[in-house]
Amino acid sequence: MLTGQKIAKLRTEANLTQEQLAEKLYVTRELVSKWETGKRNPNYKMILKIAEMFNVDAEDIFNLNDILLEELSEYIPDEYNEKTDDLSAVLNIFLATLNKRD
């Protein structure tokens, strides 16, 4: 489950609307919607606020795998065709952007 889906699940389990959650976090309802649909991710400071509000660990909302998948998705072209394009080339381009430790 991705970050936005986790936020939406926590929100609905707490019987909150997007508007109510937005008010508690001092953000707009539109921003909450973007988080929940995966169009944007909250920054880590906001993740901590959300985790505190719902009494869960921040890692329960946002984990390193989510970050890696998000970064990787930025390097796969929108017009990527798995039948004709070489995924290994796309992955190598992504990996070249990381330092050796990462």
N, C-alpha and C. Protein backbone atom coordinates (compact mmCIF):
# COMPACT_ATOMS: atom_id res chain seq x y z
N MET A 1 0.85 -1.17 0.00
CA MET A 1 0.00 0.00 0.00
C MET A 1 0.90 1.24 0.00
N LEU A 2 0.58 2.19 -0.85
CA LEU A 2 1.37 3.41 -0.96
C LEU A 2 0.96 4.44 0.08
N THR A 3 1.79 5.45 0.23
CA THR A 3 1.60 6.47 1.25
C THR A 3 0.20 7.07 1.23
N GLY A 4 -0.25 7.51 0.07
CA GLY A 4 -1.57 8.13 -0.03
C GLY A 4 -2.69 7.20 0.38
N GLN A 5 -2.56 5.94 -0.01
CA GLN A 5 -3.57 4.96 0.37
C GLN A 5 -3.58 4.75 1.89
N LYS A 6 -2.41 4.77 2.48
CA LYS A 6 -2.33 4.61 3.94
C LYS A 6 -2.96 5.79 4.66
N ILE A 7 -2.71 7.00 4.15
CA ILE A 7 -3.31 8.19 4.75
C ILE A 7 -4.83 8.13 4.63
N ALA A 8 -5.31 7.76 3.45
CA ALA A 8 -6.76 7.67 3.24
C ALA A 8 -7.38 6.63 4.17
N LYS A 9 -6.70 5.51 4.35
CA LYS A 9 -7.21 4.45 5.22
C LYS A 9 -7.28 4.93 6.68
N LEU A 10 -6.21 5.57 7.13
CA LEU A 10 -6.20 6.09 8.51
C LEU A 10 -7.30 7.13 8.70
N ARG A 11 -7.46 7.99 7.70
CA ARG A 11 -8.48 9.05 7.78
C ARG A 11 -9.88 8.46 7.85
N THR A 12 -10.17 7.50 6.98
CA THR A 12 -11.52 6.93 6.97
C THR A 12 -11.78 6.09 8.21
N GLU A 13 -10.76 5.40 8.71
CA GLU A 13 -10.93 4.64 9.96
C GLU A 13 -11.23 5.56 11.14
N ALA A 14 -10.73 6.80 11.06
CA ALA A 14 -10.99 7.78 12.13
C ALA A 14 -12.26 8.58 11.85
N ASN A 15 -12.99 8.19 10.81
CA ASN A 15 -14.24 8.87 10.44
C ASN A 15 -14.04 10.37 10.20
N LEU A 16 -12.96 10.70 9.52
CA LEU A 16 -12.69 12.09 9.17
C LEU A 16 -12.88 12.29 7.67
N THR A 17 -13.35 13.45 7.29
CA THR A 17 -13.40 13.82 5.88
C THR A 17 -12.03 14.39 5.51
N GLN A 18 -11.79 14.54 4.21
CA GLN A 18 -10.56 15.20 3.79
C GLN A 18 -10.51 16.62 4.34
N GLU A 19 -11.63 17.28 4.35
CA GLU A 19 -11.70 18.65 4.87
C GLU A 19 -11.32 18.70 6.35
N GLN A 20 -11.84 17.77 7.13
CA GLN A 20 -11.52 17.74 8.57
C GLN A 20 -10.04 17.46 8.81
N LEU A 21 -9.49 16.51 8.05
CA LEU A 21 -8.06 16.22 8.19
C LEU A 21 -7.23 17.44 7.81
N ALA A 22 -7.62 18.08 6.73
CA ALA A 22 -6.90 19.27 6.28
C ALA A 22 -6.90 20.36 7.35
N GLU A 23 -8.04 20.57 7.98
CA GLU A 23 -8.13 21.58 9.04
C GLU A 23 -7.20 21.25 10.20
N LYS A 24 -7.14 19.99 10.58
CA LYS A 24 -6.29 19.58 11.70
C LYS A 24 -4.80 19.75 11.37
N LEU A 25 -4.46 19.62 10.09
CA LEU A 25 -3.06 19.72 9.67
C LEU A 25 -2.70 21.11 9.14
N TYR A 26 -3.70 22.02 9.09
CA TYR A 26 -3.50 23.37 8.58
C TYR A 26 -3.02 23.37 7.12
N VAL A 27 -3.67 22.51 6.32
CA VAL A 27 -3.41 22.47 4.88
C VAL A 27 -4.78 22.52 4.19
N THR A 28 -4.77 22.54 2.87
CA THR A 28 -6.03 22.57 2.14
C THR A 28 -6.56 21.16 1.90
N ARG A 29 -7.87 21.07 1.68
CA ARG A 29 -8.47 19.78 1.35
C ARG A 29 -7.90 19.25 0.03
N GLU A 30 -7.60 20.18 -0.88
CA GLU A 30 -7.03 19.79 -2.17
C GLU A 30 -5.69 19.09 -2.00
N LEU A 31 -4.89 19.59 -1.05
CA LEU A 31 -3.59 18.95 -0.82
C LEU A 31 -3.77 17.55 -0.25
N VAL A 32 -4.69 17.39 0.68
CA VAL A 32 -4.97 16.05 1.23
C VAL A 32 -5.41 15.12 0.10
N SER A 33 -6.24 15.61 -0.80
CA SER A 33 -6.69 14.82 -1.94
C SER A 33 -5.51 14.40 -2.81
N LYS A 34 -4.59 15.32 -3.05
CA LYS A 34 -3.41 15.00 -3.86
C LYS A 34 -2.55 13.94 -3.19
N TRP A 35 -2.43 14.00 -1.86
CA TRP A 35 -1.68 12.96 -1.15
C TRP A 35 -2.35 11.62 -1.35
N GLU A 36 -3.66 11.60 -1.14
CA GLU A 36 -4.40 10.34 -1.18
C GLU A 36 -4.45 9.73 -2.57
N THR A 37 -4.40 10.55 -3.60
CA THR A 37 -4.42 10.02 -4.96
C THR A 37 -3.01 9.79 -5.51
N GLY A 38 -1.99 10.11 -4.71
CA GLY A 38 -0.62 9.87 -5.14
C GLY A 38 -0.05 10.92 -6.07
N LYS A 39 -0.77 12.02 -6.24
CA LYS A 39 -0.26 13.09 -7.10
C LYS A 39 0.87 13.86 -6.43
N ARG A 40 0.87 13.85 -5.09
CA ARG A 40 1.93 14.48 -4.30
C ARG A 40 2.14 13.66 -3.05
N ASN A 41 3.31 13.77 -2.47
CA ASN A 41 3.59 13.12 -1.20
C ASN A 41 3.84 14.19 -0.14
N PRO A 42 3.36 13.98 1.05
CA PRO A 42 3.66 14.92 2.12
C PRO A 42 5.16 14.83 2.47
N ASN A 43 5.71 15.94 2.93
CA ASN A 43 7.11 15.89 3.35
C ASN A 43 7.21 15.12 4.68
N TYR A 44 8.43 14.83 5.08
CA TYR A 44 8.60 13.97 6.26
C TYR A 44 8.06 14.63 7.53
N LYS A 45 8.19 15.94 7.63
CA LYS A 45 7.66 16.65 8.80
C LYS A 45 6.14 16.47 8.89
N MET A 46 5.47 16.54 7.75
CA MET A 46 4.02 16.34 7.73
C MET A 46 3.68 14.87 8.03
N ILE A 47 4.49 13.95 7.55
CA ILE A 47 4.28 12.53 7.87
C ILE A 47 4.31 12.34 9.39
N LEU A 48 5.25 13.01 10.05
CA LEU A 48 5.35 12.90 11.50
C LEU A 48 4.09 13.44 12.18
N LYS A 49 3.56 14.56 11.67
CA LYS A 49 2.32 15.12 12.24
C LYS A 49 1.15 14.15 12.05
N ILE A 50 1.05 13.59 10.85
CA ILE A 50 -0.04 12.65 10.56
C ILE A 50 0.08 11.42 11.45
N ALA A 51 1.30 10.91 11.59
CA ALA A 51 1.52 9.73 12.43
C ALA A 51 1.13 10.01 13.87
N GLU A 52 1.50 11.17 14.37
CA GLU A 52 1.16 11.54 15.74
C GLU A 52 -0.36 11.65 15.90
N MET A 53 -1.01 12.26 14.93
CA MET A 53 -2.45 12.44 14.99
C MET A 53 -3.19 11.10 15.06
N PHE A 54 -2.71 10.12 14.29
CA PHE A 54 -3.38 8.83 14.25
C PHE A 54 -2.74 7.78 15.18
N ASN A 55 -1.75 8.24 15.96
CA ASN A 55 -1.09 7.37 16.94
C ASN A 55 -0.47 6.12 16.29
N VAL A 56 0.26 6.35 15.20
CA VAL A 56 0.99 5.27 14.52
C VAL A 56 2.43 5.71 14.31
N ASP A 57 3.29 4.79 13.96
CA ASP A 57 4.67 5.13 13.63
C ASP A 57 4.72 5.75 12.25
N ALA A 58 5.62 6.70 12.05
CA ALA A 58 5.78 7.33 10.74
C ALA A 58 6.09 6.29 9.67
N GLU A 59 6.85 5.27 10.03
CA GLU A 59 7.21 4.22 9.09
C GLU A 59 5.99 3.40 8.65
N ASP A 60 4.91 3.46 9.43
CA ASP A 60 3.68 2.78 9.02
C ASP A 60 2.99 3.52 7.87
N ILE A 61 3.34 4.79 7.69
CA ILE A 61 2.74 5.60 6.64
C ILE A 61 3.65 5.70 5.43
N PHE A 62 4.91 5.93 5.68
CA PHE A 62 5.87 6.21 4.60
C PHE A 62 7.13 5.42 4.85
N ASN A 63 7.50 4.56 3.94
CA ASN A 63 8.71 3.78 4.15
C ASN A 63 9.71 3.98 3.01
N LEU A 64 10.90 3.49 3.21
CA LEU A 64 11.97 3.68 2.24
C LEU A 64 11.62 3.09 0.88
N ASN A 65 10.88 1.99 0.86
CA ASN A 65 10.49 1.40 -0.42
C ASN A 65 9.61 2.35 -1.21
N ASP A 66 8.71 3.07 -0.52
CA ASP A 66 7.87 4.05 -1.20
C ASP A 66 8.72 5.13 -1.85
N ILE A 67 9.72 5.60 -1.12
CA ILE A 67 10.61 6.65 -1.64
C ILE A 67 11.34 6.14 -2.87
N LEU A 68 11.90 4.95 -2.79
CA LEU A 68 12.65 4.38 -3.90
C LEU A 68 11.76 4.18 -5.12
N LEU A 69 10.57 3.63 -4.93
CA LEU A 69 9.65 3.43 -6.05
C LEU A 69 9.23 4.75 -6.67
N GLU A 70 9.00 5.76 -5.83
CA GLU A 70 8.63 7.08 -6.33
C GLU A 70 9.75 7.66 -7.18
N GLU A 71 10.99 7.58 -6.69
CA GLU A 71 12.13 8.10 -7.44
C GLU A 71 12.31 7.33 -8.74
N LEU A 72 12.21 6.02 -8.67
CA LEU A 72 12.39 5.18 -9.85
C LEU A 72 11.34 5.50 -10.90
N SER A 73 10.11 5.73 -10.49
CA SER A 73 9.03 6.00 -11.45
C SER A 73 9.28 7.28 -12.24
N GLU A 74 10.04 8.21 -11.67
CA GLU A 74 10.35 9.44 -12.37
C GLU A 74 11.30 9.22 -13.55
N TYR A 75 12.03 8.11 -13.55
CA TYR A 75 12.99 7.83 -14.60
C TYR A 75 12.45 6.93 -15.70
N ILE A 76 11.30 6.34 -15.48
CA ILE A 76 10.70 5.51 -16.52
C ILE A 76 9.82 6.42 -17.36
N PRO A 77 10.14 6.55 -18.65
CA PRO A 77 9.39 7.47 -19.50
C PRO A 77 7.91 7.10 -19.55
N ASP A 78 7.06 8.11 -19.70
CA ASP A 78 5.62 7.87 -19.81
C ASP A 78 5.30 6.96 -20.98
N GLU A 79 6.09 7.07 -22.04
CA GLU A 79 5.83 6.28 -23.23
C GLU A 79 6.56 4.94 -23.20
N TYR A 80 7.05 4.55 -22.02
CA TYR A 80 7.77 3.28 -21.90
C TYR A 80 6.89 2.12 -22.35
N ASN A 81 7.44 1.28 -23.20
CA ASN A 81 6.74 0.10 -23.70
C ASN A 81 7.58 -1.11 -23.33
N GLU A 82 7.08 -1.93 -22.42
CA GLU A 82 7.88 -3.05 -21.93
C GLU A 82 8.23 -4.07 -23.01
N LYS A 83 7.50 -4.08 -24.11
CA LYS A 83 7.80 -5.04 -25.17
C LYS A 83 8.93 -4.57 -26.08
N THR A 84 9.09 -3.25 -26.21
CA THR A 84 10.09 -2.75 -27.14
C THR A 84 11.25 -2.02 -26.47
N ASP A 85 11.06 -1.51 -25.28
CA ASP A 85 12.13 -0.77 -24.60
C ASP A 85 12.89 -1.69 -23.66
N ASP A 86 14.15 -1.35 -23.46
CA ASP A 86 15.01 -2.13 -22.59
C ASP A 86 14.93 -1.57 -21.17
N LEU A 87 14.21 -2.27 -20.29
CA LEU A 87 14.05 -1.80 -18.92
C LEU A 87 15.39 -1.70 -18.21
N SER A 88 16.32 -2.58 -18.53
CA SER A 88 17.63 -2.52 -17.87
C SER A 88 18.33 -1.19 -18.18
N ALA A 89 18.15 -0.66 -19.37
CA ALA A 89 18.75 0.63 -19.71
C ALA A 89 18.12 1.74 -18.87
N VAL A 90 16.81 1.70 -18.69
CA VAL A 90 16.12 2.69 -17.88
C VAL A 90 16.59 2.59 -16.43
N LEU A 91 16.71 1.36 -15.92
CA LEU A 91 17.18 1.17 -14.55
C LEU A 91 18.61 1.64 -14.37
N ASN A 92 19.46 1.40 -15.36
CA ASN A 92 20.85 1.85 -15.27
C ASN A 92 20.94 3.37 -15.24
N ILE A 93 20.07 4.05 -15.97
CA ILE A 93 20.05 5.52 -15.94
C ILE A 93 19.69 5.98 -14.54
N PHE A 94 18.69 5.35 -13.94
CA PHE A 94 18.29 5.70 -12.58
C PHE A 94 19.43 5.42 -11.60
N LEU A 95 20.01 4.24 -11.68
CA LEU A 95 21.08 3.88 -10.73
C LEU A 95 22.29 4.80 -10.85
N ALA A 96 22.54 5.29 -12.03
CA ALA A 96 23.68 6.20 -12.24
C ALA A 96 23.50 7.51 -11.50
N THR A 97 22.26 7.85 -11.15
CA THR A 97 22.02 9.09 -10.42
C THR A 97 22.29 8.95 -8.93
N LEU A 98 22.40 7.72 -8.44
CA LEU A 98 22.61 7.49 -7.02
C LEU A 98 24.10 7.43 -6.72
N ASN A 99 24.48 7.79 -5.49
CA ASN A 99 25.86 7.60 -5.12
C ASN A 99 26.07 6.12 -4.78
N LYS A 100 27.30 5.67 -4.74
CA LYS A 100 27.58 4.23 -4.57
C LYS A 100 27.02 3.68 -3.27
N ARG A 101 27.00 4.46 -2.24
CA ARG A 101 26.49 4.00 -0.94
C ARG A 101 25.00 3.68 -1.02
N ASP A 102 24.25 4.54 -1.74
CA ASP A 102 22.80 4.32 -1.87
C ASP A 102 22.52 3.09 -2.69
